[in-house]
C-alpha atoms as a PDB file:
ATOM      1  CA  MET A   1      -0.141   0.302   0.137  1.00  0.00           C
ATOM      2  CA  GLY A   2       1.279   3.447  -0.880  1.00  0.00           C
ATOM      3  CA  GLU A   3       0.971   6.635   0.852  1.00  0.00           C
ATOM      4  CA  PRO A   4      -2.470   7.576   2.663  1.00  0.00           C
ATOM      5  CA  PHE A   5      -4.425  10.141   1.079  1.00  0.00           C
ATOM      6  CA  GLU A   6      -3.940  12.426   3.848  1.00  0.00           C
ATOM      7  CA  ASN A   7      -0.363  12.748   2.847  1.00  0.00           C
ATOM      8  CA  SER A   8      -1.401  13.946  -0.459  1.00  0.00           C
ATOM      9  CA  GLU A   9      -0.673  17.910  -1.160  1.00  0.00           C
ATOM     10  CA  ALA A  10      -3.638  18.076  -3.141  1.00  0.00           C
ATOM     11  CA  TRP A  11      -6.060  16.422  -0.564  1.00  0.00           C
ATOM     12  CA  LYS A  12      -4.382  18.861   2.314  1.00  0.00           C
ATOM     13  CA  LYS A  13      -5.511  21.810  -0.224  1.00  0.00           C
ATOM     14  CA  ALA A  14      -9.097  20.492  -0.768  1.00  0.00           C
ATOM     15  CA  ARG A  15      -9.142  20.310   3.085  1.00  0.00           C
ATOM     16  CA  MET A  16      -8.343  23.826   3.523  1.00  0.00           C
ATOM     17  CA  LEU A  17     -10.712  24.904   0.905  1.00  0.00           C
ATOM     18  CA  THR A  18     -13.378  23.144   2.532  1.00  0.00           C
ATOM     19  CA  ASP A  19     -12.419  24.739   6.000  1.00  0.00           C
ATOM     20  CA  GLU A  20     -12.164  28.037   4.444  1.00  0.00           C
ATOM     21  CA  VAL A  21     -16.106  27.476   2.504  1.00  0.00           C
ATOM     22  CA  TYR A  22     -17.265  26.063   5.709  1.00  0.00           C
ATOM     23  CA  ALA A  23     -16.100  29.418   7.620  1.00  0.00           C
ATOM     24  CA  LEU A  24     -17.986  31.567   5.183  1.00  0.00           C
ATOM     25  CA  CYS A  25     -21.046  29.701   5.030  1.00  0.00           C
ATOM     26  CA  ARG A  26     -21.316  30.140   9.016  1.00  0.00           C
ATOM     27  CA  ARG A  27     -21.814  33.842   8.588  1.00  0.00           C
ATOM     28  CA  GLU A  28     -25.047  35.673   8.001  1.00  0.00           C
ATOM     29  CA  PRO A  29     -26.685  36.211   5.397  1.00  0.00           C
ATOM     30  CA  LEU A  30     -24.943  33.485   3.691  1.00  0.00           C
ATOM     31  CA  SER A  31     -25.705  31.562   6.442  1.00  0.00           C
ATOM     32  CA  LYS A  32     -29.512  31.836   6.096  1.00  0.00           C
ATOM     33  CA  ASP A  33     -29.251  31.455   2.031  1.00  0.00           C
ATOM     34  CA  PHE A  34     -29.695  27.461   2.194  1.00  0.00           C
ATOM     35  CA  GLY A  35     -29.821  26.697  -1.281  1.00  0.00           C
ATOM     36  CA  LEU A  36     -26.773  28.498  -2.217  1.00  0.00           C
ATOM     37  CA  ARG A  37     -24.863  27.629   1.146  1.00  0.00           C
ATOM     38  CA  ASP A  38     -25.731  24.114   0.812  1.00  0.00           C
ATOM     39  CA  GLN A  39     -24.653  23.635  -2.560  1.00  0.00           C
ATOM     40  CA  LEU A  40     -21.233  25.531  -1.736  1.00  0.00           C
ATOM     41  CA  GLN A  41     -20.553  23.143   0.789  1.00  0.00           C
ATOM     42  CA  ARG A  42     -21.412  20.315  -1.123  1.00  0.00           C
ATOM     43  CA  ALA A  43     -18.930  21.069  -4.062  1.00  0.00           C
ATOM     44  CA  ALA A  44     -16.151  21.610  -1.538  1.00  0.00           C
ATOM     45  CA  VAL A  45     -16.408  18.388   0.155  1.00  0.00           C
ATOM     46  CA  SER A  46     -16.744  16.555  -3.497  1.00  0.00           C
ATOM     47  CA  VAL A  47     -13.083  18.306  -4.248  1.00  0.00           C
ATOM     48  CA  MET A  48     -11.926  16.482  -0.882  1.00  0.00           C
ATOM     49  CA  ASN A  49     -13.909  13.535  -1.151  1.00  0.00           C
ATOM     50  CA  ASN A  50     -13.127  12.710  -4.863  1.00  0.00           C
ATOM     51  CA  VAL A  51      -9.167  13.431  -4.070  1.00  0.00           C
ATOM     52  CA  ALA A  52      -9.634  10.805  -1.407  1.00  0.00           C
ATOM     53  CA  GLU A  53     -11.665   8.266  -3.792  1.00  0.00           C
ATOM     54  CA  GLY A  54      -9.193   8.553  -6.638  1.00  0.00           C
ATOM     55  CA  TRP A  55      -6.308   8.143  -4.328  1.00  0.00           C
ATOM     56  CA  GLU A  56      -7.508   4.977  -3.062  1.00  0.00           C
ATOM     57  CA  SER A  57      -8.569   3.487  -6.021  1.00  0.00           C
ATOM     58  CA  LEU A  58      -6.640   0.828  -7.829  1.00  0.00           C
ATOM     59  CA  HIS A  59      -7.593   1.325 -11.294  1.00  0.00           C
ATOM     60  CA  VAL A  60      -6.452   4.113 -13.394  1.00  0.00           C
ATOM     61  CA  ALA A  61      -9.576   4.704 -15.162  1.00  0.00           C
ATOM     62  CA  GLU A  62     -11.433   5.067 -11.907  1.00  0.00           C
ATOM     63  CA  LYS A  63      -8.587   7.396 -10.752  1.00  0.00           C
ATOM     64  CA  ARG A  64      -8.844   9.794 -13.525  1.00  0.00           C
ATOM     65  CA  GLN A  65     -12.681   9.919 -12.909  1.00  0.00           C
ATOM     66  CA  ALA A  66     -12.623  10.952  -9.696  1.00  0.00           C
ATOM     67  CA  TYR A  67      -9.793  13.507  -9.965  1.00  0.00           C
ATOM     68  CA  ASN A  68     -11.582  14.908 -12.723  1.00  0.00           C
ATOM     69  CA  VAL A  69     -14.778  15.118 -10.621  1.00  0.00           C
ATOM     70  CA  ALA A  70     -12.498  16.842  -7.981  1.00  0.00           C
ATOM     71  CA  ARG A  71     -11.109  19.325 -10.468  1.00  0.00           C
ATOM     72  CA  ARG A  72     -15.005  19.940 -11.676  1.00  0.00           C
ATOM     73  CA  SER A  73     -16.288  20.580  -8.199  1.00  0.00           C
ATOM     74  CA  CYS A  74     -13.262  23.026  -7.781  1.00  0.00           C
ATOM     75  CA  GLY A  75     -14.514  24.838 -10.864  1.00  0.00           C
ATOM     76  CA  GLU A  76     -17.758  25.063  -9.249  1.00  0.00           C
ATOM     77  CA  VAL A  77     -16.706  26.501  -5.910  1.00  0.00           C
ATOM     78  CA  ARG A  78     -14.841  28.974  -8.193  1.00  0.00           C
ATOM     79  CA  SER A  79     -17.963  29.938  -9.910  1.00  0.00           C
ATOM     80  CA  MET A  80     -20.283  30.392  -6.865  1.00  0.00           C
ATOM     81  CA  SER A  81     -17.601  32.794  -5.355  1.00  0.00           C
ATOM     82  CA  TYR A  82     -18.713  35.259  -7.936  1.00  0.00           C
ATOM     83  CA  VAL A  83     -22.330  34.849  -6.652  1.00  0.00           C
ATOM     84  CA  LEU A  84     -20.891  35.159  -3.208  1.00  0.00           C
ATOM     85  CA  LEU A  85     -19.073  38.454  -4.395  1.00  0.00           C
ATOM     86  CA  ASP A  86     -22.154  39.817  -6.537  1.00  0.00           C
ATOM     87  CA  ASN A  87     -24.692  39.294  -3.643  1.00  0.00           C
ATOM     88  CA  LYS A  88     -22.342  40.991  -0.939  1.00  0.00           C
ATOM     89  CA  PHE A  89     -21.840  37.745   1.037  1.00  0.00           C
ATOM     90  CA  VAL A  90     -18.141  38.088   0.675  1.00  0.00           C
ATOM     91  CA  THR A  91     -15.794  41.023   0.338  1.00  0.00           C
ATOM     92  CA  ASP A  92     -13.549  41.478  -2.821  1.00  0.00           C
ATOM     93  CA  ALA A  93     -10.633  40.260  -0.716  1.00  0.00           C
ATOM     94  CA  GLU A  94     -12.576  37.326   0.603  1.00  0.00           C
ATOM     95  CA  GLN A  95     -13.523  36.541  -2.722  1.00  0.00           C
ATOM     96  CA  GLN A  96      -9.869  36.600  -4.128  1.00  0.00           C
ATOM     97  CA  LYS A  97      -8.436  34.495  -1.243  1.00  0.00           C
ATOM     98  CA  LEU A  98     -11.233  31.691  -2.113  1.00  0.00           C
ATOM     99  CA  LEU A  99     -10.453  31.924  -5.744  1.00  0.00           C
ATOM    100  CA  THR A 100      -6.850  31.611  -4.989  1.00  0.00           C
ATOM    101  CA  SER A 101      -7.609  28.254  -2.835  1.00  0.00           C
ATOM    102  CA  CYS A 102      -9.645  27.040  -5.903  1.00  0.00           C
ATOM    103  CA  ILE A 103      -6.939  27.714  -8.503  1.00  0.00           C
ATOM    104  CA  GLN A 104      -4.259  26.189  -6.171  1.00  0.00           C
ATOM    105  CA  THR A 105      -6.199  23.037  -5.086  1.00  0.00           C
ATOM    106  CA  GLY A 106      -7.261  22.594  -8.822  1.00  0.00           C
ATOM    107  CA  LYS A 107      -3.879  22.701  -9.928  1.00  0.00           C
ATOM    108  CA  LEU A 108      -2.753  19.758  -7.564  1.00  0.00           C
ATOM    109  CA  VAL A 109      -5.466  18.285  -8.691  1.00  0.00           C
ATOM    110  CA  SER A 110      -4.298  18.781 -12.166  1.00  0.00           C
ATOM    111  CA  GLY A 111      -1.074  17.287 -11.229  1.00  0.00           C
ATOM    112  CA  LEU A 112      -2.191  14.032  -9.907  1.00  0.00           C
ATOM    113  CA  ILE A 113      -4.104  13.392 -13.348  1.00  0.00           C
ATOM    114  CA  ARG A 114      -1.133  14.095 -14.899  1.00  0.00           C
ATOM    115  CA  SER A 115       0.768  11.304 -13.368  1.00  0.00           C
ATOM    116  CA  LEU A 116      -1.786   9.039 -14.436  1.00  0.00           C
ATOM    117  CA  ASP A 117      -0.508  10.011 -17.834  1.00  0.00           C
ATOM    118  CA  ASN A 118       2.693   8.611 -16.846  1.00  0.00           C
ATOM    119  CA  ARG A 119       1.597   5.011 -16.231  1.00  0.00           C
END
């Protein structure tokens, strides 16, 4: 058995992204917008869980699929950050921080996908 997914930089970064999203979602008025809050939290958790799922899979095709879902969920969080900004749930600085976290996480997940091409 290889390294546990908890040692993966992509998973660690996805965990930090999830924590950041949950912290924002605890604040009003976002905490009261159940639809947006729930979708944002689900997308963030999806990044983290799909990195773990891909990491644990023994089959390259399954790994690739899980990592691709993680990447897409990262894009979903990034897209929703603009909804947060446009509706004044976050400041410009908070949105930039969230965008940066999404981009960094996405790059790490892309690295996992690229690593599969070398197999």
